[in-house]
N, C-alpha and C. Protein backbone atom coordinates (compact mmCIF):
# COMPACT_ATOMS: atom_id res chain seq x y z
N MET A 1 14.16 9.38 -30.17
CA MET A 1 15.08 9.48 -29.49
C MET A 1 15.93 8.35 -29.14
N TYR A 2 15.33 7.69 -28.14
CA TYR A 2 15.92 6.57 -27.71
C TYR A 2 16.22 4.91 -28.54
N ALA A 3 14.89 5.06 -29.52
CA ALA A 3 15.54 3.95 -30.28
C ALA A 3 16.49 4.30 -31.33
N LEU A 4 17.05 5.47 -31.51
CA LEU A 4 18.18 6.02 -31.78
C LEU A 4 19.57 5.80 -31.21
N CYS A 5 19.67 5.71 -30.06
CA CYS A 5 20.49 5.87 -28.96
C CYS A 5 20.84 4.52 -29.08
N LEU A 6 19.85 3.65 -28.60
CA LEU A 6 19.87 1.79 -28.65
C LEU A 6 20.67 1.55 -29.79
N ARG A 7 20.08 2.09 -30.77
CA ARG A 7 20.82 1.16 -32.14
C ARG A 7 22.00 1.52 -32.33
N LEU A 8 22.20 2.84 -32.02
CA LEU A 8 23.97 3.24 -32.20
C LEU A 8 25.31 2.70 -31.08
N THR A 9 24.46 2.49 -30.01
CA THR A 9 25.20 2.40 -29.06
C THR A 9 25.27 0.48 -28.20
N ALA A 10 23.68 0.17 -29.37
CA ALA A 10 23.61 -1.74 -28.33
C ALA A 10 23.32 -2.04 -27.44
N ASP A 11 23.47 -1.30 -26.12
CA ASP A 11 23.64 -0.79 -24.56
C ASP A 11 22.43 0.37 -24.23
N ALA A 12 21.34 -1.08 -23.69
CA ALA A 12 20.31 -0.11 -23.23
C ALA A 12 20.22 1.22 -22.01
N ARG A 13 20.86 0.91 -20.58
CA ARG A 13 21.64 1.63 -20.08
C ARG A 13 22.14 2.70 -20.79
N GLU A 14 23.53 2.30 -21.86
CA GLU A 14 23.84 3.92 -22.24
C GLU A 14 23.20 4.48 -23.01
N ALA A 15 21.85 3.95 -23.78
CA ALA A 15 21.03 4.61 -24.65
C ALA A 15 20.22 5.57 -23.93
N GLU A 16 19.61 5.37 -22.40
CA GLU A 16 19.07 6.05 -21.70
C GLU A 16 19.60 7.36 -21.28
N GLU A 17 20.95 7.38 -20.84
CA GLU A 17 21.71 8.31 -20.58
C GLU A 17 21.85 9.02 -21.84
N LEU A 18 22.13 8.77 -23.10
CA LEU A 18 22.36 9.11 -24.15
C LEU A 18 20.83 10.82 -24.26
N THR A 19 19.67 9.57 -24.41
CA THR A 19 18.70 10.05 -24.29
C THR A 19 18.43 11.52 -23.85
N GLN A 20 18.60 11.05 -22.39
CA GLN A 20 18.43 12.45 -21.24
C GLN A 20 19.75 13.45 -21.61
N ASP A 21 20.81 13.24 -21.94
CA ASP A 21 21.67 14.11 -22.30
C ASP A 21 21.69 14.59 -23.93
N ALA A 22 20.60 14.15 -24.82
CA ALA A 22 20.32 14.42 -25.90
C ALA A 22 18.78 15.71 -25.93
N PHE A 23 18.09 15.31 -24.40
CA PHE A 23 17.13 15.98 -24.62
C PHE A 23 17.47 17.47 -23.97
N VAL A 24 18.47 17.53 -22.92
CA VAL A 24 19.10 18.27 -22.50
C VAL A 24 19.67 19.48 -23.63
N ARG A 25 20.54 18.53 -24.56
CA ARG A 25 20.82 19.57 -25.28
C ARG A 25 20.15 20.49 -25.95
N ALA A 26 19.24 19.67 -26.80
CA ALA A 26 18.16 20.22 -27.21
C ALA A 26 17.53 21.32 -26.69
N TRP A 27 17.23 21.20 -25.47
CA TRP A 27 16.53 22.36 -24.65
C TRP A 27 17.68 23.68 -24.58
N GLU A 28 18.82 23.28 -25.13
CA GLU A 28 20.07 24.22 -24.12
C GLU A 28 20.03 24.66 -25.71
N ARG A 29 20.00 24.22 -26.59
CA ARG A 29 20.30 24.21 -28.26
C ARG A 29 19.22 25.04 -29.51
N LEU A 30 17.82 25.10 -28.44
CA LEU A 30 16.43 25.27 -29.18
C LEU A 30 16.51 26.44 -29.72
N GLY A 31 17.44 27.32 -29.40
CA GLY A 31 16.94 28.97 -30.05
C GLY A 31 17.87 28.74 -31.45
N SER A 32 18.59 27.85 -31.72
CA SER A 32 19.81 27.58 -32.76
C SER A 32 18.98 26.74 -33.90
N PHE A 33 17.88 26.55 -33.43
CA PHE A 33 16.99 25.91 -34.36
C PHE A 33 16.56 26.92 -35.67
N ARG A 34 16.78 27.06 -36.47
CA ARG A 34 16.26 28.08 -38.05
C ARG A 34 15.22 27.58 -38.48
N GLY A 35 14.85 26.61 -38.04
CA GLY A 35 13.94 26.28 -39.22
C GLY A 35 13.81 25.98 -40.59
N GLU A 36 15.21 25.44 -41.26
CA GLU A 36 15.17 25.54 -42.62
C GLU A 36 15.05 24.03 -43.08
N SER A 37 15.03 23.37 -41.87
CA SER A 37 15.11 21.69 -41.84
C SER A 37 13.57 21.62 -40.94
N ALA A 38 13.22 20.78 -41.23
CA ALA A 38 12.06 19.63 -39.79
C ALA A 38 12.65 19.73 -38.60
N PHE A 39 11.72 20.17 -37.52
CA PHE A 39 12.82 19.51 -36.66
C PHE A 39 12.90 18.30 -36.18
N ALA A 40 12.86 16.94 -36.41
CA ALA A 40 12.49 15.92 -36.37
C ALA A 40 14.45 15.68 -36.66
N SER A 41 14.41 16.39 -37.77
CA SER A 41 15.78 15.93 -38.62
C SER A 41 16.68 17.06 -37.98
N TRP A 42 16.74 17.69 -37.33
CA TRP A 42 17.50 19.00 -36.49
C TRP A 42 18.01 17.83 -34.90
N LEU A 43 16.64 17.64 -34.54
CA LEU A 43 16.89 16.69 -33.31
C LEU A 43 17.60 15.59 -33.34
N TYR A 44 17.24 14.68 -35.05
CA TYR A 44 18.10 13.43 -34.88
C TYR A 44 19.17 13.69 -35.11
N ARG A 45 19.18 14.65 -35.65
CA ARG A 45 21.47 15.07 -36.04
C ARG A 45 22.28 15.09 -34.77
N LEU A 46 21.14 16.58 -33.85
CA LEU A 46 21.38 16.72 -32.47
C LEU A 46 21.99 15.22 -31.59
N THR A 47 21.13 14.53 -31.84
CA THR A 47 20.89 13.03 -31.08
C THR A 47 22.13 12.10 -31.33
N VAL A 48 22.43 12.08 -32.70
CA VAL A 48 23.73 10.99 -33.34
C VAL A 48 24.99 12.63 -33.28
N ASN A 49 24.75 13.64 -32.80
CA ASN A 49 26.49 13.82 -32.28
C ASN A 49 26.29 14.28 -30.65
N VAL A 50 25.15 13.75 -30.19
CA VAL A 50 25.78 13.66 -29.00
C VAL A 50 26.16 12.28 -28.03
N VAL A 51 25.74 11.27 -29.10
CA VAL A 51 26.23 9.73 -29.10
C VAL A 51 27.82 9.71 -30.01
N PHE A 52 28.33 10.38 -31.12
CA PHE A 52 29.08 10.55 -31.43
C PHE A 52 30.18 10.92 -30.18
N MET A 53 29.64 12.49 -29.83
CA MET A 53 30.52 12.86 -28.86
C MET A 53 31.16 12.27 -27.76
N SER A 54 29.88 11.36 -27.22
CA SER A 54 30.19 10.65 -25.72
C SER A 54 31.19 9.51 -26.68
N ARG A 55 30.87 8.97 -27.30
CA ARG A 55 32.30 7.47 -27.84
C ARG A 55 33.26 8.29 -27.67
N ARG A 56 33.51 9.59 -29.09
CA ARG A 56 34.82 10.10 -28.56
C ARG A 56 35.19 10.60 -27.60
N THR A 57 35.11 10.90 -26.04
CA THR A 57 35.29 11.11 -25.16
C THR A 57 35.65 9.83 -23.82
N THR A 58 34.86 8.57 -24.43
CA THR A 58 35.45 7.65 -23.95
C THR A 58 36.36 6.74 -24.43
N ARG A 59 36.68 7.26 -26.15
CA ARG A 59 37.93 6.71 -26.46
C ARG A 59 38.69 7.12 -25.74
N ARG A 60 39.09 8.34 -25.57
CA ARG A 60 39.91 9.70 -25.24
C ARG A 60 40.45 9.42 -23.84
N ARG A 61 38.85 9.17 -22.71
CA ARG A 61 39.92 8.88 -21.47
C ARG A 61 40.54 7.16 -21.28
N ALA A 62 39.58 6.60 -22.52
CA ALA A 62 40.50 5.02 -22.12
C ALA A 62 41.88 5.04 -22.65
N GLN A 63 42.59 6.09 -23.89
CA GLN A 63 43.93 6.29 -24.48
C GLN A 63 44.68 6.72 -23.20
N ARG A 64 43.90 7.47 -22.02
CA ARG A 64 44.54 7.98 -20.86
C ARG A 64 45.04 7.19 -20.15
N VAL A 65 43.88 6.20 -19.84
CA VAL A 65 44.43 4.83 -19.03
C VAL A 65 44.39 4.19 -19.63
N PHE A 66 45.11 3.25 -18.46
CA PHE A 66 45.39 2.09 -19.09
C PHE A 66 45.94 1.06 -17.74
N ALA A 67 45.46 -0.09 -18.12
CA ALA A 67 45.63 -0.93 -16.83
C ALA A 67 47.13 -2.19 -16.77
N THR A 68 47.70 -2.37 -16.21
CA THR A 68 48.58 -3.18 -16.45
C THR A 68 48.81 -3.92 -14.18
N GLU A 69 49.37 -5.58 -15.14
CA GLU A 69 49.66 -6.11 -13.81
C GLU A 69 50.49 -5.97 -13.77
N ASP A 70 52.21 -5.00 -13.96
CA ASP A 70 52.72 -5.09 -13.44
C ASP A 70 53.57 -4.09 -13.02
N PRO A 71 53.14 -3.66 -11.44
CA PRO A 71 53.23 -2.10 -10.87
C PRO A 71 54.49 -1.40 -11.37
N GLY A 72 55.96 -2.12 -12.08
CA GLY A 72 56.90 -1.78 -12.32
C GLY A 72 56.66 -1.25 -13.93
N ALA A 73 55.98 -1.22 -14.33
CA ALA A 73 55.94 -0.80 -15.65
C ALA A 73 55.97 0.96 -14.68
N LEU A 74 55.49 1.29 -14.63
CA LEU A 74 54.99 2.73 -14.40
C LEU A 74 56.18 3.33 -14.00
N GLU A 75 57.36 2.35 -13.67
CA GLU A 75 58.36 3.63 -13.14
C GLU A 75 59.82 2.62 -14.27
N ARG A 76 59.20 2.31 -15.23
CA ARG A 76 60.09 2.05 -16.74
C ARG A 76 60.42 3.64 -17.38
N PRO A 77 61.31 3.71 -18.29
CA PRO A 77 61.13 4.79 -19.26
C PRO A 77 60.13 4.99 -19.84
N ALA A 78 59.76 5.97 -20.44
CA ALA A 78 58.49 6.31 -21.00
C ALA A 78 58.37 5.79 -22.39
N GLU A 79 59.51 5.19 -23.64
CA GLU A 79 59.73 3.91 -24.33
C GLU A 79 58.81 2.67 -23.96
N ASP A 80 59.30 2.58 -22.69
CA ASP A 80 58.69 0.87 -22.46
C ASP A 80 57.05 1.51 -21.98
N ALA A 81 57.05 2.38 -21.44
CA ALA A 81 55.88 2.65 -21.15
C ALA A 81 54.60 3.14 -22.37
N ARG A 82 55.39 3.69 -23.21
CA ARG A 82 54.32 3.31 -24.79
C ARG A 82 54.02 1.98 -25.39
N ARG A 83 54.82 1.33 -24.89
CA ARG A 83 54.70 -0.23 -25.33
C ARG A 83 53.61 -0.63 -25.17
N THR A 84 53.63 -0.69 -23.77
CA THR A 84 52.90 -1.59 -22.98
C THR A 84 51.60 -0.61 -22.83
N ARG A 85 51.51 0.49 -23.46
CA ARG A 85 49.88 1.32 -23.70
C ARG A 85 49.54 0.98 -25.09
N ALA A 86 50.42 0.89 -25.97
CA ALA A 86 49.88 0.48 -27.38
C ALA A 86 49.45 -0.71 -27.44
N ARG A 87 49.34 -1.82 -26.25
CA ARG A 87 48.90 -3.05 -26.32
C ARG A 87 47.33 -2.94 -26.33
N PRO A 88 46.65 -2.43 -25.26
CA PRO A 88 45.55 -2.39 -25.47
C PRO A 88 44.22 -1.25 -25.77
N ARG A 89 45.02 -0.47 -26.77
CA ARG A 89 44.77 0.42 -27.74
C ARG A 89 44.66 -0.52 -28.98
N SER A 90 45.43 -1.23 -29.29
CA SER A 90 45.57 -2.07 -30.44
C SER A 90 44.10 -2.94 -30.40
N ARG A 91 43.62 -3.48 -29.39
CA ARG A 91 42.69 -4.19 -28.83
C ARG A 91 41.37 -3.57 -29.01
N ALA A 92 41.75 -2.38 -28.68
CA ALA A 92 40.20 -1.33 -28.43
C ALA A 92 40.18 -1.03 -29.56
N GLY A 93 40.91 -0.85 -30.97
CA GLY A 93 40.48 -0.60 -31.84
C GLY A 93 39.74 -1.43 -33.27
N GLY A 94 39.51 -2.52 -32.81
CA GLY A 94 39.34 -3.70 -33.39
C GLY A 94 37.46 -3.59 -32.46
N ARG A 95 37.08 -3.17 -31.72
CA ARG A 95 35.75 -2.78 -31.17
C ARG A 95 35.64 -1.61 -31.83
N GLY A 96 36.29 -0.36 -31.40
CA GLY A 96 35.81 0.97 -32.42
C GLY A 96 35.42 0.55 -34.21
N ALA A 97 36.20 -0.56 -34.60
CA ALA A 97 36.00 -0.60 -35.98
C ALA A 97 34.42 -1.20 -35.85
N ALA A 98 34.45 -1.87 -34.91
CA ALA A 98 32.86 -2.66 -34.85
C ALA A 98 31.84 -2.11 -34.72
N ALA A 99 32.16 -0.96 -34.03
CA ALA A 99 31.14 0.35 -33.83
C ALA A 99 30.63 1.21 -34.63
N ARG A 100 31.85 1.32 -35.52
CA ARG A 100 31.49 3.01 -36.40
C ARG A 100 31.19 2.18 -37.26
N ALA A 101 31.21 0.60 -37.56
CA ALA A 101 30.08 -0.31 -38.87
C ALA A 101 29.05 -0.22 -38.39
N ARG A 102 28.90 -0.58 -37.22
CA ARG A 102 27.55 -0.28 -36.76
C ARG A 102 26.33 0.69 -37.05
N GLU A 103 26.95 1.96 -36.62
CA GLU A 103 26.85 3.32 -36.54
C GLU A 103 25.88 3.59 -38.47
N ILE A 104 27.64 2.98 -39.45
CA ILE A 104 27.25 3.26 -40.78
C ILE A 104 26.16 2.35 -41.27
N PHE A 105 26.13 1.24 -40.68
CA PHE A 105 24.91 0.36 -40.96
C PHE A 105 23.68 1.02 -40.58
N VAL A 106 23.27 1.59 -39.42
CA VAL A 106 22.45 2.34 -39.22
C VAL A 106 21.68 3.58 -39.55
N LEU A 107 22.88 4.33 -40.08
CA LEU A 107 22.54 5.62 -40.77
C LEU A 107 22.26 5.53 -42.25
N TYR A 108 22.62 4.18 -42.86
CA TYR A 108 22.56 4.52 -44.33
C TYR A 108 21.19 3.15 -44.29
N ASP A 109 21.43 1.97 -43.77
CA ASP A 109 20.27 1.15 -44.17
C ASP A 109 18.95 1.43 -42.90
N VAL A 110 19.13 1.32 -41.97
CA VAL A 110 18.14 1.42 -41.13
C VAL A 110 16.95 2.83 -41.13
N LYS A 111 17.84 4.07 -40.96
CA LYS A 111 17.55 5.24 -41.68
C LYS A 111 17.23 5.85 -42.66
N ASP A 112 18.04 4.60 -43.68
CA ASP A 112 17.90 5.30 -45.40
C ASP A 112 18.85 6.47 -45.80
N MET A 113 19.34 6.59 -45.21
CA MET A 113 20.40 7.79 -45.41
C MET A 113 20.97 7.48 -46.37
N GLY A 114 21.39 6.34 -47.30
CA GLY A 114 22.32 5.91 -48.03
C GLY A 114 22.66 7.27 -49.78
N THR A 115 23.19 6.49 -50.63
CA THR A 115 23.63 7.01 -51.47
C THR A 115 22.32 7.68 -52.05
N PRO A 116 22.47 9.32 -52.25
CA PRO A 116 20.88 9.39 -53.34
C PRO A 116 20.32 8.77 -54.46
N LYS A 117 19.31 9.00 -54.79
CA LYS A 117 18.29 8.15 -55.46
C LYS A 117 18.72 9.13 -56.54
N SER A 118 18.53 8.71 -58.07
CA SER A 118 18.64 9.18 -58.98
C SER A 118 17.09 9.57 -59.02
N PRO A 119 17.15 10.89 -59.94
CA PRO A 119 15.25 11.36 -60.37
C PRO A 119 14.89 10.01 -61.15
N SER A 120 13.20 10.16 -61.02
CA SER A 120 13.07 8.45 -61.88
C SER A 120 12.17 9.75 -63.49
């Protein structure tokens, strides 16, 4: 679980926290495991969901909070404030795209979850 979190986040500290969160979530949701698949598959999906939810929460928080060097920006009309906030989001979007590409690589290449192979 830690290795998966580390691959998806590329940050050891964050991976440790998310691994703990995944174990807690697994313990809380253990009753929802129906046994239709391997336990490892269920645990893998739960861990991926924990990482994705953490990213979504972080992204939403970043969109609500913004830093500015100009204190007057807080007093400007709403139109100006929206334009000021839009700049940091666009820069963060580039990092988000790289993170999404990393997730896709890990899921499809490293974990061999690519396109289904045709029967031989």
